[in-house]
Amino acid sequence: MPNVDLILGGDHARRRSVRTEPTQRRSSQRLDALLDAAAEIVDEIGFERLTTQMVAERAGASIGTVYRYFPDRVAVLHALRERAVRRFRERVAERLDGVEANDWWQIVEIAIDACVELYRDEPGFSVVHASSREASDDGPEPEFADRLASVIEHDFGRIADPAELRFRLGVSMELVDALVNRAFTRDPAGDARYLAEAKRIVRDYLEGSLSGLRVDTAA
């Protein structure tokens, strides 16, 4: 069974955007309600038009409550993005925890499927995920390729060139992000041909790369 702790790691990303880190259950629920409201709004009108007042009204909270956690709309968007990253990692870890992976492709495919699932059932994910990809030269989550590589190395042995593996996985995740986003731009349910092509392209690309890297299962 894959080491799912390698996917989750020590993730404290939310503290970078949230002004007050919730320490009680009620406070945490209030924060999640604000982010849920923001996610619904960006699904409806896009992230460019989101305002803190809209978030307050949709969540049934005062504007002061919003400002308690977020200094401005940009912080709301950053927190949404961080929650999306965290939930993506959790989804991947949950799926990995339930399988006995026989090859490296099962692990990569689980990550792709988790991304597709969140596009379908996580409010705001498609908009926030796509916007963060466009805004960053390093892709939507540069750490994730490293984490995925660590799982493959843990389960299948020492990789002859770990840096190359991480680079190739990073390129693969960029391809997946672009094609999955395009699939859901064309069809709210996800264009099946684009989703299938994302898997085919990534598998072909990684098969050529991994065959040259040599997985040493005796290590």
N, C-alpha and C. Protein backbone atom coordinates (compact mmCIF):
# COMPACT_ATOMS: atom_id res chain seq x y z
N MET A 1 0.85 -1.19 0.00
CA MET A 1 0.00 0.00 0.00
C MET A 1 0.89 1.25 0.00
N PRO A 2 0.61 2.23 -0.85
CA PRO A 2 1.44 3.43 -0.91
C PRO A 2 1.50 4.17 0.42
N ASN A 3 2.60 4.84 0.67
CA ASN A 3 2.77 5.63 1.88
C ASN A 3 2.07 6.97 1.69
N VAL A 4 0.82 7.07 2.15
CA VAL A 4 0.02 8.25 1.90
C VAL A 4 0.52 9.47 2.67
N ASP A 5 1.29 9.26 3.74
CA ASP A 5 1.85 10.39 4.47
C ASP A 5 2.77 11.22 3.58
N LEU A 6 3.36 10.60 2.58
CA LEU A 6 4.23 11.32 1.67
C LEU A 6 3.43 12.31 0.82
N ILE A 7 2.15 12.02 0.59
CA ILE A 7 1.29 12.94 -0.15
C ILE A 7 0.82 14.08 0.74
N LEU A 8 0.41 13.76 1.96
CA LEU A 8 -0.14 14.78 2.84
C LEU A 8 0.95 15.69 3.42
N GLY A 9 2.01 15.08 3.93
CA GLY A 9 3.11 15.87 4.48
C GLY A 9 2.63 16.75 5.63
N GLY A 10 3.44 17.74 5.98
CA GLY A 10 3.06 18.70 7.01
C GLY A 10 2.56 19.96 6.36
N ASP A 11 1.26 19.99 6.06
CA ASP A 11 0.70 21.09 5.28
C ASP A 11 0.01 22.11 6.18
N HIS A 12 0.64 23.28 6.33
CA HIS A 12 0.04 24.35 7.12
C HIS A 12 -0.22 25.56 6.22
N ALA A 13 -0.55 25.29 4.96
CA ALA A 13 -0.64 26.37 3.98
C ALA A 13 -1.69 27.40 4.33
N ARG A 14 -2.81 26.98 4.96
CA ARG A 14 -3.90 27.90 5.18
C ARG A 14 -3.48 29.08 6.04
N ARG A 15 -2.50 28.88 6.91
CA ARG A 15 -2.09 29.95 7.80
C ARG A 15 -1.46 31.13 7.07
N ARG A 16 -1.07 30.95 5.84
CA ARG A 16 -0.46 32.04 5.11
C ARG A 16 -1.49 33.08 4.68
N SER A 17 -2.76 32.67 4.46
CA SER A 17 -3.76 33.59 3.96
C SER A 17 -4.81 33.99 4.99
N VAL A 18 -5.06 33.12 5.95
CA VAL A 18 -6.10 33.40 6.93
C VAL A 18 -5.54 34.28 8.03
N ARG A 19 -6.22 35.39 8.29
CA ARG A 19 -5.72 36.34 9.27
C ARG A 19 -5.74 35.76 10.67
N THR A 20 -6.83 35.07 11.04
CA THR A 20 -6.96 34.45 12.36
C THR A 20 -7.16 32.96 12.18
N GLU A 21 -6.21 32.18 12.62
CA GLU A 21 -6.33 30.72 12.51
C GLU A 21 -7.35 30.23 13.53
N PRO A 22 -8.44 29.54 13.08
CA PRO A 22 -9.47 29.09 14.02
C PRO A 22 -8.95 28.02 14.96
N THR A 23 -9.25 28.17 16.23
CA THR A 23 -8.79 27.21 17.22
C THR A 23 -9.95 26.42 17.83
N GLN A 24 -11.18 26.86 17.60
CA GLN A 24 -12.34 26.17 18.12
C GLN A 24 -13.18 25.66 16.98
N ARG A 25 -13.97 24.63 17.27
CA ARG A 25 -14.78 24.02 16.21
C ARG A 25 -15.73 25.02 15.58
N ARG A 26 -16.36 25.85 16.38
CA ARG A 26 -17.32 26.81 15.84
C ARG A 26 -16.63 27.80 14.92
N SER A 27 -15.45 28.24 15.33
CA SER A 27 -14.70 29.19 14.51
C SER A 27 -14.27 28.55 13.20
N SER A 28 -13.85 27.29 13.26
CA SER A 28 -13.45 26.58 12.05
C SER A 28 -14.63 26.40 11.11
N GLN A 29 -15.81 26.10 11.66
CA GLN A 29 -17.01 25.96 10.84
C GLN A 29 -17.38 27.28 10.19
N ARG A 30 -17.19 28.38 10.92
CA ARG A 30 -17.50 29.70 10.38
C ARG A 30 -16.58 30.02 9.21
N LEU A 31 -15.31 29.69 9.36
CA LEU A 31 -14.36 29.92 8.28
C LEU A 31 -14.72 29.08 7.05
N ASP A 32 -15.05 27.81 7.26
CA ASP A 32 -15.44 26.96 6.14
C ASP A 32 -16.70 27.49 5.46
N ALA A 33 -17.64 28.03 6.24
CA ALA A 33 -18.85 28.59 5.65
C ALA A 33 -18.53 29.79 4.77
N LEU A 34 -17.59 30.62 5.20
CA LEU A 34 -17.18 31.77 4.39
C LEU A 34 -16.54 31.30 3.08
N LEU A 35 -15.68 30.30 3.17
CA LEU A 35 -15.03 29.79 1.97
C LEU A 35 -16.01 29.07 1.05
N ASP A 36 -16.98 28.37 1.64
CA ASP A 36 -18.02 27.72 0.83
C ASP A 36 -18.82 28.78 0.06
N ALA A 37 -19.14 29.88 0.75
CA ALA A 37 -19.88 30.96 0.09
C ALA A 37 -19.06 31.56 -1.04
N ALA A 38 -17.78 31.79 -0.79
CA ALA A 38 -16.91 32.34 -1.82
C ALA A 38 -16.81 31.41 -3.01
N ALA A 39 -16.72 30.10 -2.74
CA ALA A 39 -16.61 29.11 -3.82
C ALA A 39 -17.86 29.13 -4.70
N GLU A 40 -19.03 29.23 -4.09
CA GLU A 40 -20.27 29.30 -4.86
C GLU A 40 -20.29 30.53 -5.75
N ILE A 41 -19.83 31.64 -5.22
CA ILE A 41 -19.84 32.90 -5.97
C ILE A 41 -18.91 32.83 -7.17
N VAL A 42 -17.68 32.32 -6.97
CA VAL A 42 -16.75 32.28 -8.10
C VAL A 42 -17.23 31.31 -9.17
N ASP A 43 -17.97 30.26 -8.78
CA ASP A 43 -18.55 29.37 -9.78
C ASP A 43 -19.58 30.12 -10.63
N GLU A 44 -20.29 31.04 -9.99
CA GLU A 44 -21.37 31.75 -10.67
C GLU A 44 -20.88 32.92 -11.52
N ILE A 45 -19.95 33.71 -11.00
CA ILE A 45 -19.57 34.95 -11.69
C ILE A 45 -18.07 35.08 -11.97
N GLY A 46 -17.28 34.12 -11.53
CA GLY A 46 -15.83 34.20 -11.72
C GLY A 46 -15.15 34.88 -10.54
N PHE A 47 -13.84 34.69 -10.43
CA PHE A 47 -13.11 35.21 -9.28
C PHE A 47 -12.83 36.71 -9.40
N GLU A 48 -12.87 37.25 -10.62
CA GLU A 48 -12.53 38.67 -10.79
C GLU A 48 -13.54 39.59 -10.11
N ARG A 49 -14.80 39.17 -10.05
CA ARG A 49 -15.85 40.03 -9.51
C ARG A 49 -16.18 39.74 -8.05
N LEU A 50 -15.51 38.78 -7.46
CA LEU A 50 -15.76 38.45 -6.05
C LEU A 50 -15.40 39.62 -5.14
N THR A 51 -16.27 39.91 -4.17
CA THR A 51 -15.98 40.92 -3.16
C THR A 51 -16.23 40.34 -1.77
N THR A 52 -15.60 40.94 -0.77
CA THR A 52 -15.83 40.47 0.60
C THR A 52 -17.28 40.69 1.02
N GLN A 53 -17.93 41.72 0.50
CA GLN A 53 -19.33 41.97 0.83
C GLN A 53 -20.21 40.85 0.29
N MET A 54 -19.91 40.39 -0.90
CA MET A 54 -20.66 39.25 -1.47
C MET A 54 -20.51 38.01 -0.59
N VAL A 55 -19.30 37.78 -0.13
CA VAL A 55 -19.05 36.62 0.71
C VAL A 55 -19.86 36.71 2.00
N ALA A 56 -19.86 37.89 2.61
CA ALA A 56 -20.61 38.09 3.85
C ALA A 56 -22.10 37.83 3.63
N GLU A 57 -22.64 38.39 2.57
CA GLU A 57 -24.08 38.24 2.30
C GLU A 57 -24.45 36.79 2.01
N ARG A 58 -23.64 36.12 1.20
CA ARG A 58 -23.94 34.73 0.85
C ARG A 58 -23.84 33.82 2.07
N ALA A 59 -22.88 34.09 2.95
CA ALA A 59 -22.69 33.26 4.13
C ALA A 59 -23.63 33.63 5.27
N GLY A 60 -24.36 34.74 5.12
CA GLY A 60 -25.22 35.20 6.21
C GLY A 60 -24.42 35.71 7.39
N ALA A 61 -23.28 36.33 7.10
CA ALA A 61 -22.40 36.83 8.16
C ALA A 61 -22.21 38.33 7.99
N SER A 62 -21.67 38.94 9.02
CA SER A 62 -21.37 40.37 8.94
C SER A 62 -20.06 40.57 8.18
N ILE A 63 -19.87 41.77 7.64
CA ILE A 63 -18.63 42.06 6.94
C ILE A 63 -17.47 42.02 7.93
N GLY A 64 -17.74 42.34 9.19
CA GLY A 64 -16.70 42.27 10.22
C GLY A 64 -16.20 40.86 10.44
N THR A 65 -17.11 39.89 10.31
CA THR A 65 -16.71 38.48 10.45
C THR A 65 -15.78 38.08 9.32
N VAL A 66 -16.09 38.54 8.11
CA VAL A 66 -15.22 38.25 6.98
C VAL A 66 -13.83 38.84 7.21
N TYR A 67 -13.79 40.11 7.66
CA TYR A 67 -12.51 40.78 7.87
C TYR A 67 -11.74 40.20 9.05
N ARG A 68 -12.43 39.50 9.92
CA ARG A 68 -11.74 38.84 11.02
C ARG A 68 -10.76 37.80 10.49
N TYR A 69 -11.13 37.16 9.37
CA TYR A 69 -10.30 36.11 8.80
C TYR A 69 -9.52 36.56 7.57
N PHE A 70 -10.10 37.48 6.80
CA PHE A 70 -9.49 37.86 5.53
C PHE A 70 -9.38 39.38 5.42
N PRO A 71 -8.18 39.91 5.21
CA PRO A 71 -8.03 41.35 5.11
C PRO A 71 -8.64 41.93 3.83
N ASP A 72 -8.76 41.11 2.78
CA ASP A 72 -9.31 41.60 1.51
C ASP A 72 -9.73 40.42 0.65
N ARG A 73 -10.26 40.70 -0.54
CA ARG A 73 -10.74 39.66 -1.45
C ARG A 73 -9.61 38.77 -1.95
N VAL A 74 -8.42 39.32 -2.09
CA VAL A 74 -7.29 38.52 -2.55
C VAL A 74 -6.98 37.42 -1.55
N ALA A 75 -7.06 37.75 -0.27
CA ALA A 75 -6.82 36.74 0.77
C ALA A 75 -7.88 35.64 0.73
N VAL A 76 -9.11 36.01 0.40
CA VAL A 76 -10.17 35.01 0.26
C VAL A 76 -9.83 34.04 -0.86
N LEU A 77 -9.39 34.58 -1.98
CA LEU A 77 -9.04 33.75 -3.12
C LEU A 77 -7.85 32.86 -2.82
N HIS A 78 -6.84 33.41 -2.13
CA HIS A 78 -5.69 32.59 -1.75
C HIS A 78 -6.11 31.45 -0.83
N ALA A 79 -6.99 31.75 0.12
CA ALA A 79 -7.45 30.72 1.04
C ALA A 79 -8.25 29.64 0.31
N LEU A 80 -9.05 30.06 -0.67
CA LEU A 80 -9.78 29.09 -1.48
C LEU A 80 -8.83 28.17 -2.23
N ARG A 81 -7.79 28.77 -2.80
CA ARG A 81 -6.81 27.99 -3.54
C ARG A 81 -6.10 27.01 -2.62
N GLU A 82 -5.73 27.47 -1.42
CA GLU A 82 -5.03 26.61 -0.47
C GLU A 82 -5.91 25.46 -0.01
N ARG A 83 -7.22 25.74 0.18
CA ARG A 83 -8.14 24.68 0.56
C ARG A 83 -8.29 23.67 -0.57
N ALA A 84 -8.31 24.15 -1.81
CA ALA A 84 -8.41 23.26 -2.95
C ALA A 84 -7.20 22.34 -3.03
N VAL A 85 -6.01 22.90 -2.80
CA VAL A 85 -4.78 22.10 -2.80
C VAL A 85 -4.85 21.04 -1.71
N ARG A 86 -5.26 21.47 -0.51
CA ARG A 86 -5.33 20.53 0.62
C ARG A 86 -6.33 19.41 0.33
N ARG A 87 -7.49 19.75 -0.20
CA ARG A 87 -8.50 18.74 -0.47
C ARG A 87 -8.08 17.82 -1.61
N PHE A 88 -7.33 18.36 -2.57
CA PHE A 88 -6.80 17.51 -3.63
C PHE A 88 -5.83 16.49 -3.05
N ARG A 89 -4.91 16.95 -2.20
CA ARG A 89 -3.96 16.03 -1.58
C ARG A 89 -4.69 14.99 -0.74
N GLU A 90 -5.69 15.41 0.01
CA GLU A 90 -6.44 14.48 0.85
C GLU A 90 -7.17 13.45 0.00
N ARG A 91 -7.72 13.89 -1.14
CA ARG A 91 -8.42 12.95 -2.02
C ARG A 91 -7.46 11.91 -2.59
N VAL A 92 -6.29 12.37 -3.01
CA VAL A 92 -5.29 11.44 -3.53
C VAL A 92 -4.86 10.45 -2.44
N ALA A 93 -4.60 10.97 -1.24
CA ALA A 93 -4.19 10.11 -0.14
C ALA A 93 -5.26 9.08 0.21
N GLU A 94 -6.52 9.51 0.19
CA GLU A 94 -7.63 8.60 0.48
C GLU A 94 -7.70 7.48 -0.55
N ARG A 95 -7.55 7.84 -1.82
CA ARG A 95 -7.60 6.82 -2.88
C ARG A 95 -6.40 5.86 -2.79
N LEU A 96 -5.22 6.41 -2.52
CA LEU A 96 -4.03 5.57 -2.41
C LEU A 96 -4.13 4.61 -1.24
N ASP A 97 -4.78 5.07 -0.17
CA ASP A 97 -4.89 4.25 1.03
C ASP A 97 -5.73 3.00 0.80
N GLY A 98 -6.54 3.02 -0.26
CA GLY A 98 -7.43 1.90 -0.50
C GLY A 98 -6.97 0.95 -1.59
N VAL A 99 -5.74 1.11 -2.08
CA VAL A 99 -5.30 0.24 -3.17
C VAL A 99 -3.94 -0.38 -2.86
N GLU A 100 -3.67 -1.49 -3.51
CA GLU A 100 -2.34 -2.08 -3.54
C GLU A 100 -1.79 -1.81 -4.93
N ALA A 101 -0.99 -0.80 -5.06
CA ALA A 101 -0.50 -0.39 -6.38
C ALA A 101 0.46 -1.42 -6.94
N ASN A 102 0.20 -1.87 -8.16
CA ASN A 102 1.06 -2.85 -8.82
C ASN A 102 2.10 -2.19 -9.71
N ASP A 103 1.86 -0.95 -10.10
CA ASP A 103 2.83 -0.25 -10.93
C ASP A 103 2.69 1.26 -10.71
N TRP A 104 3.68 2.00 -11.22
CA TRP A 104 3.71 3.43 -11.01
C TRP A 104 2.52 4.14 -11.65
N TRP A 105 1.98 3.60 -12.75
CA TRP A 105 0.88 4.27 -13.43
C TRP A 105 -0.38 4.33 -12.57
N GLN A 106 -0.62 3.30 -11.76
CA GLN A 106 -1.78 3.33 -10.87
C GLN A 106 -1.73 4.55 -9.95
N ILE A 107 -0.55 4.88 -9.46
CA ILE A 107 -0.40 6.02 -8.56
C ILE A 107 -0.65 7.32 -9.30
N VAL A 108 -0.08 7.46 -10.50
CA VAL A 108 -0.29 8.68 -11.29
C VAL A 108 -1.76 8.81 -11.70
N GLU A 109 -2.37 7.71 -12.10
CA GLU A 109 -3.77 7.75 -12.54
C GLU A 109 -4.69 8.14 -11.40
N ILE A 110 -4.40 7.68 -10.19
CA ILE A 110 -5.20 8.07 -9.03
C ILE A 110 -5.16 9.59 -8.85
N ALA A 111 -3.99 10.19 -9.05
CA ALA A 111 -3.88 11.65 -8.92
C ALA A 111 -4.69 12.36 -10.00
N ILE A 112 -4.64 11.85 -11.22
CA ILE A 112 -5.42 12.45 -12.31
C ILE A 112 -6.91 12.34 -12.02
N ASP A 113 -7.35 11.16 -11.60
CA ASP A 113 -8.77 10.95 -11.31
C ASP A 113 -9.24 11.84 -10.17
N ALA A 114 -8.40 12.05 -9.17
CA ALA A 114 -8.77 12.91 -8.04
C ALA A 114 -8.99 14.34 -8.52
N CYS A 115 -8.14 14.80 -9.42
CA CYS A 115 -8.28 16.14 -9.98
C CYS A 115 -9.61 16.27 -10.73
N VAL A 116 -9.94 15.28 -11.54
CA VAL A 116 -11.19 15.29 -12.30
C VAL A 116 -12.39 15.28 -11.35
N GLU A 117 -12.33 14.46 -10.32
CA GLU A 117 -13.43 14.38 -9.35
C GLU A 117 -13.67 15.72 -8.68
N LEU A 118 -12.61 16.42 -8.31
CA LEU A 118 -12.77 17.71 -7.65
C LEU A 118 -13.31 18.76 -8.59
N TYR A 119 -12.95 18.70 -9.86
CA TYR A 119 -13.56 19.60 -10.84
C TYR A 119 -15.07 19.39 -10.87
N ARG A 120 -15.50 18.15 -10.66
CA ARG A 120 -16.93 17.83 -10.75
C ARG A 120 -17.70 18.16 -9.48
N ASP A 121 -17.08 17.90 -8.31
CA ASP A 121 -17.90 17.98 -7.10
C ASP A 121 -17.42 18.96 -6.04
N GLU A 122 -16.35 19.71 -6.31
CA GLU A 122 -15.87 20.69 -5.33
C GLU A 122 -16.20 22.09 -5.83
N PRO A 123 -17.16 22.78 -5.18
CA PRO A 123 -17.52 24.13 -5.63
C PRO A 123 -16.30 25.04 -5.69
N GLY A 124 -16.21 25.79 -6.78
CA GLY A 124 -15.12 26.74 -6.95
C GLY A 124 -13.81 26.16 -7.41
N PHE A 125 -13.67 24.83 -7.40
CA PHE A 125 -12.37 24.22 -7.69
C PHE A 125 -11.90 24.54 -9.10
N SER A 126 -12.79 24.41 -10.07
CA SER A 126 -12.38 24.61 -11.46
C SER A 126 -11.91 26.04 -11.71
N VAL A 127 -12.62 27.00 -11.14
CA VAL A 127 -12.27 28.40 -11.37
C VAL A 127 -10.98 28.76 -10.65
N VAL A 128 -10.89 28.42 -9.37
CA VAL A 128 -9.71 28.77 -8.57
C VAL A 128 -8.48 28.02 -9.06
N HIS A 129 -8.66 26.74 -9.38
CA HIS A 129 -7.53 25.92 -9.84
C HIS A 129 -6.98 26.47 -11.15
N ALA A 130 -7.88 26.81 -12.07
CA ALA A 130 -7.44 27.32 -13.37
C ALA A 130 -6.76 28.67 -13.21
N SER A 131 -7.31 29.54 -12.36
CA SER A 131 -6.73 30.87 -12.20
C SER A 131 -5.35 30.80 -11.56
N SER A 132 -5.15 29.87 -10.61
CA SER A 132 -3.84 29.75 -9.96
C SER A 132 -2.82 29.20 -10.94
N ARG A 133 -3.25 28.33 -11.86
CA ARG A 133 -2.33 27.80 -12.87
C ARG A 133 -1.87 28.90 -13.80
N GLU A 134 -2.77 29.80 -14.19
CA GLU A 134 -2.43 30.87 -15.10
C GLU A 134 -1.55 31.92 -14.43
N ALA A 135 -1.69 32.07 -13.12
CA ALA A 135 -0.98 33.14 -12.41
C ALA A 135 0.42 32.75 -11.98
N SER A 136 0.77 31.47 -12.08
CA SER A 136 2.05 31.01 -11.55
C SER A 136 2.91 30.38 -12.62
N ASP A 137 4.18 30.77 -12.66
CA ASP A 137 5.11 30.17 -13.59
C ASP A 137 5.48 28.75 -13.17
N ASP A 138 5.22 28.40 -11.92
CA ASP A 138 5.59 27.09 -11.40
C ASP A 138 4.45 26.09 -11.43
N GLY A 139 3.32 26.47 -12.04
CA GLY A 139 2.19 25.55 -12.07
C GLY A 139 1.34 25.70 -10.82
N PRO A 140 0.23 24.97 -10.77
CA PRO A 140 -0.71 25.11 -9.68
C PRO A 140 -0.20 24.62 -8.34
N GLU A 141 0.65 23.60 -8.34
CA GLU A 141 1.18 23.09 -7.08
C GLU A 141 2.52 22.42 -7.33
N PRO A 142 3.59 23.20 -7.37
CA PRO A 142 4.90 22.62 -7.71
C PRO A 142 5.36 21.54 -6.75
N GLU A 143 4.89 21.57 -5.49
CA GLU A 143 5.29 20.56 -4.51
C GLU A 143 4.74 19.18 -4.83
N PHE A 144 3.61 19.13 -5.52
CA PHE A 144 2.92 17.85 -5.65
C PHE A 144 3.72 16.84 -6.46
N ALA A 145 4.40 17.30 -7.51
CA ALA A 145 5.21 16.37 -8.30
C ALA A 145 6.28 15.73 -7.44
N ASP A 146 6.86 16.52 -6.55
CA ASP A 146 7.87 15.98 -5.65
C ASP A 146 7.27 14.93 -4.72
N ARG A 147 6.08 15.20 -4.21
CA ARG A 147 5.42 14.26 -3.30
C ARG A 147 5.06 12.96 -4.04
N LEU A 148 4.57 13.11 -5.27
CA LEU A 148 4.21 11.93 -6.05
C LEU A 148 5.45 11.09 -6.36
N ALA A 149 6.54 11.76 -6.67
CA ALA A 149 7.79 11.04 -6.93
C ALA A 149 8.24 10.28 -5.68
N SER A 150 8.06 10.86 -4.52
CA SER A 150 8.46 10.20 -3.27
C SER A 150 7.66 8.93 -3.04
N VAL A 151 6.36 8.98 -3.39
CA VAL A 151 5.53 7.78 -3.25
C VAL A 151 6.01 6.69 -4.20
N ILE A 152 6.29 7.04 -5.44
CA ILE A 152 6.76 6.05 -6.42
C ILE A 152 8.09 5.44 -5.97
N GLU A 153 8.99 6.28 -5.49
CA GLU A 153 10.28 5.78 -5.00
C GLU A 153 10.10 4.87 -3.79
N HIS A 154 9.19 5.25 -2.90
CA HIS A 154 8.95 4.46 -1.69
C HIS A 154 8.41 3.08 -2.04
N ASP A 155 7.50 3.03 -3.04
CA ASP A 155 6.81 1.78 -3.35
C ASP A 155 7.56 0.89 -4.33
N PHE A 156 8.36 1.50 -5.22
CA PHE A 156 8.95 0.70 -6.29
C PHE A 156 10.47 0.73 -6.31
N GLY A 157 11.06 1.31 -5.31
CA GLY A 157 12.51 1.25 -5.20
C GLY A 157 13.23 2.51 -5.63
N ARG A 158 14.52 2.48 -5.48
CA ARG A 158 15.35 3.65 -5.77
C ARG A 158 15.32 3.98 -7.25
N ILE A 159 15.17 5.28 -7.54
CA ILE A 159 15.18 5.76 -8.92
C ILE A 159 16.60 6.20 -9.28
N ALA A 160 17.04 5.81 -10.45
CA ALA A 160 18.41 6.13 -10.85
C ALA A 160 18.66 7.63 -10.92
N ASP A 161 17.66 8.41 -11.35
CA ASP A 161 17.81 9.86 -11.47
C ASP A 161 16.58 10.53 -10.86
N PRO A 162 16.56 10.72 -9.54
CA PRO A 162 15.38 11.29 -8.87
C PRO A 162 15.01 12.68 -9.38
N ALA A 163 15.99 13.51 -9.69
CA ALA A 163 15.69 14.87 -10.18
C ALA A 163 14.94 14.82 -11.51
N GLU A 164 15.34 13.89 -12.37
CA GLU A 164 14.68 13.75 -13.66
C GLU A 164 13.25 13.26 -13.48
N LEU A 165 13.05 12.32 -12.55
CA LEU A 165 11.70 11.84 -12.27
C LEU A 165 10.80 12.99 -11.83
N ARG A 166 11.28 13.82 -10.94
CA ARG A 166 10.48 14.94 -10.45
C ARG A 166 10.17 15.94 -11.55
N PHE A 167 11.15 16.18 -12.41
CA PHE A 167 10.92 17.08 -13.54
C PHE A 167 9.84 16.52 -14.46
N ARG A 168 9.95 15.24 -14.78
CA ARG A 168 8.98 14.62 -15.68
C ARG A 168 7.57 14.60 -15.08
N LEU A 169 7.47 14.33 -13.80
CA LEU A 169 6.16 14.36 -13.14
C LEU A 169 5.61 15.78 -13.11
N GLY A 170 6.48 16.76 -12.92
CA GLY A 170 6.03 18.15 -12.95
C GLY A 170 5.46 18.53 -14.30
N VAL A 171 6.14 18.14 -15.37
CA VAL A 171 5.63 18.39 -16.72
C VAL A 171 4.30 17.68 -16.91
N SER A 172 4.21 16.45 -16.43
CA SER A 172 2.97 15.67 -16.56
C SER A 172 1.81 16.35 -15.86
N MET A 173 2.04 16.88 -14.66
CA MET A 173 0.98 17.56 -13.93
C MET A 173 0.53 18.82 -14.65
N GLU A 174 1.48 19.51 -15.29
CA GLU A 174 1.12 20.70 -16.08
C GLU A 174 0.22 20.30 -17.25
N LEU A 175 0.56 19.20 -17.92
CA LEU A 175 -0.25 18.72 -19.03
C LEU A 175 -1.66 18.34 -18.55
N VAL A 176 -1.72 17.63 -17.43
CA VAL A 176 -3.01 17.24 -16.87
C VAL A 176 -3.85 18.47 -16.54
N ASP A 177 -3.24 19.45 -15.87
CA ASP A 177 -3.97 20.66 -15.49
C ASP A 177 -4.57 21.34 -16.70
N ALA A 178 -3.76 21.49 -17.75
CA ALA A 178 -4.23 22.19 -18.94
C ALA A 178 -5.36 21.44 -19.64
N LEU A 179 -5.20 20.13 -19.80
CA LEU A 179 -6.20 19.34 -20.53
C LEU A 179 -7.48 19.13 -19.74
N VAL A 180 -7.36 18.93 -18.43
CA VAL A 180 -8.56 18.77 -17.61
C VAL A 180 -9.33 20.08 -17.55
N ASN A 181 -8.61 21.19 -17.41
CA ASN A 181 -9.29 22.48 -17.43
C ASN A 181 -10.01 22.70 -18.75
N ARG A 182 -9.37 22.34 -19.84
CA ARG A 182 -10.00 22.47 -21.15
C ARG A 182 -11.23 21.58 -21.26
N ALA A 183 -11.15 20.38 -20.72
CA ALA A 183 -12.28 19.46 -20.76
C ALA A 183 -13.51 20.05 -20.07
N PHE A 184 -13.30 20.71 -18.94
CA PHE A 184 -14.43 21.26 -18.20
C PHE A 184 -14.84 22.63 -18.72
N THR A 185 -14.00 23.26 -19.51
CA THR A 185 -14.40 24.48 -20.20
C THR A 185 -15.35 24.14 -21.34
N ARG A 186 -15.07 23.04 -22.01
CA ARG A 186 -15.91 22.60 -23.13
C ARG A 186 -17.23 21.99 -22.67
N ASP A 187 -17.20 21.32 -21.52
CA ASP A 187 -18.38 20.60 -21.04
C ASP A 187 -18.38 20.64 -19.51
N PRO A 188 -19.44 21.17 -18.87
CA PRO A 188 -19.47 21.24 -17.41
C PRO A 188 -19.26 19.89 -16.73
N ALA A 189 -19.57 18.80 -17.43
CA ALA A 189 -19.38 17.47 -16.87
C ALA A 189 -18.00 16.91 -17.20
N GLY A 190 -17.24 17.64 -18.02
CA GLY A 190 -15.92 17.17 -18.42
C GLY A 190 -15.98 16.45 -19.76
N ASP A 191 -15.40 17.03 -20.79
CA ASP A 191 -15.39 16.42 -22.10
C ASP A 191 -14.59 15.10 -22.04
N ALA A 192 -15.28 14.00 -22.30
CA ALA A 192 -14.67 12.68 -22.12
C ALA A 192 -13.45 12.47 -23.01
N ARG A 193 -13.46 13.02 -24.20
CA ARG A 193 -12.32 12.82 -25.11
C ARG A 193 -11.08 13.54 -24.58
N TYR A 194 -11.26 14.74 -24.06
CA TYR A 194 -10.11 15.47 -23.50
C TYR A 194 -9.57 14.76 -22.27
N LEU A 195 -10.46 14.24 -21.42
CA LEU A 195 -10.02 13.55 -20.21
C LEU A 195 -9.26 12.27 -20.56
N ALA A 196 -9.76 11.53 -21.54
CA ALA A 196 -9.08 10.31 -21.97
C ALA A 196 -7.73 10.65 -22.59
N GLU A 197 -7.69 11.74 -23.37
CA GLU A 197 -6.43 12.12 -24.01
C GLU A 197 -5.40 12.57 -22.99
N ALA A 198 -5.86 13.22 -21.92
CA ALA A 198 -4.93 13.63 -20.86
C ALA A 198 -4.20 12.42 -20.30
N LYS A 199 -4.94 11.36 -20.02
CA LYS A 199 -4.31 10.14 -19.49
C LYS A 199 -3.38 9.50 -20.51
N ARG A 200 -3.83 9.42 -21.76
CA ARG A 200 -3.01 8.77 -22.79
C ARG A 200 -1.69 9.50 -22.98
N ILE A 201 -1.75 10.83 -23.09
CA ILE A 201 -0.54 11.62 -23.34
C ILE A 201 0.43 11.49 -22.17
N VAL A 202 -0.10 11.60 -20.96
CA VAL A 202 0.76 11.54 -19.78
C VAL A 202 1.37 10.16 -19.62
N ARG A 203 0.58 9.12 -19.86
CA ARG A 203 1.14 7.77 -19.72
C ARG A 203 2.24 7.51 -20.75
N ASP A 204 1.97 7.92 -22.00
CA ASP A 204 2.98 7.72 -23.04
C ASP A 204 4.26 8.48 -22.71
N TYR A 205 4.10 9.70 -22.22
CA TYR A 205 5.26 10.53 -21.89
C TYR A 205 6.06 9.93 -20.74
N LEU A 206 5.38 9.49 -19.70
CA LEU A 206 6.09 8.95 -18.54
C LEU A 206 6.66 7.56 -18.80
N GLU A 207 5.98 6.77 -19.61
CA GLU A 207 6.51 5.44 -19.91
C GLU A 207 7.87 5.55 -20.57
N GLY A 208 7.99 6.46 -21.52
CA GLY A 208 9.28 6.65 -22.17
C GLY A 208 10.33 7.15 -21.20
N SER A 209 9.91 8.03 -20.28
CA SER A 209 10.86 8.60 -19.32
C SER A 209 11.27 7.58 -18.27
N LEU A 210 10.31 6.88 -17.70
CA LEU A 210 10.60 5.96 -16.61
C LEU A 210 11.38 4.74 -17.08
N SER A 211 11.16 4.34 -18.32
CA SER A 211 11.92 3.20 -18.81
C SER A 211 13.41 3.52 -18.89
N GLY A 212 13.73 4.80 -19.11
CA GLY A 212 15.11 5.21 -19.15
C GLY A 212 15.72 5.49 -17.80
N LEU A 213 14.85 5.68 -16.80
CA LEU A 213 15.34 6.00 -15.46
C LEU A 213 15.76 4.76 -14.68
N ARG A 214 15.20 3.62 -15.02
CA ARG A 214 15.49 2.36 -14.32
C ARG A 214 15.07 2.41 -12.86
N VAL A 215 14.02 1.64 -12.56
CA VAL A 215 13.56 1.50 -11.19
C VAL A 215 14.26 0.29 -10.59
N ASP A 216 15.01 0.53 -9.53
CA ASP A 216 15.79 -0.53 -8.89
C ASP A 216 14.99 -1.09 -7.73
N THR A 217 14.20 -2.12 -7.97
CA THR A 217 13.33 -2.68 -6.94
C THR A 217 14.12 -3.45 -5.89
N ALA A 218 15.36 -3.70 -6.13
CA ALA A 218 16.17 -4.43 -5.14
C ALA A 218 16.75 -3.51 -4.08
N ALA A 219 16.60 -2.19 -4.29
CA ALA A 219 17.18 -1.24 -3.34
C ALA A 219 16.41 -1.23 -2.06
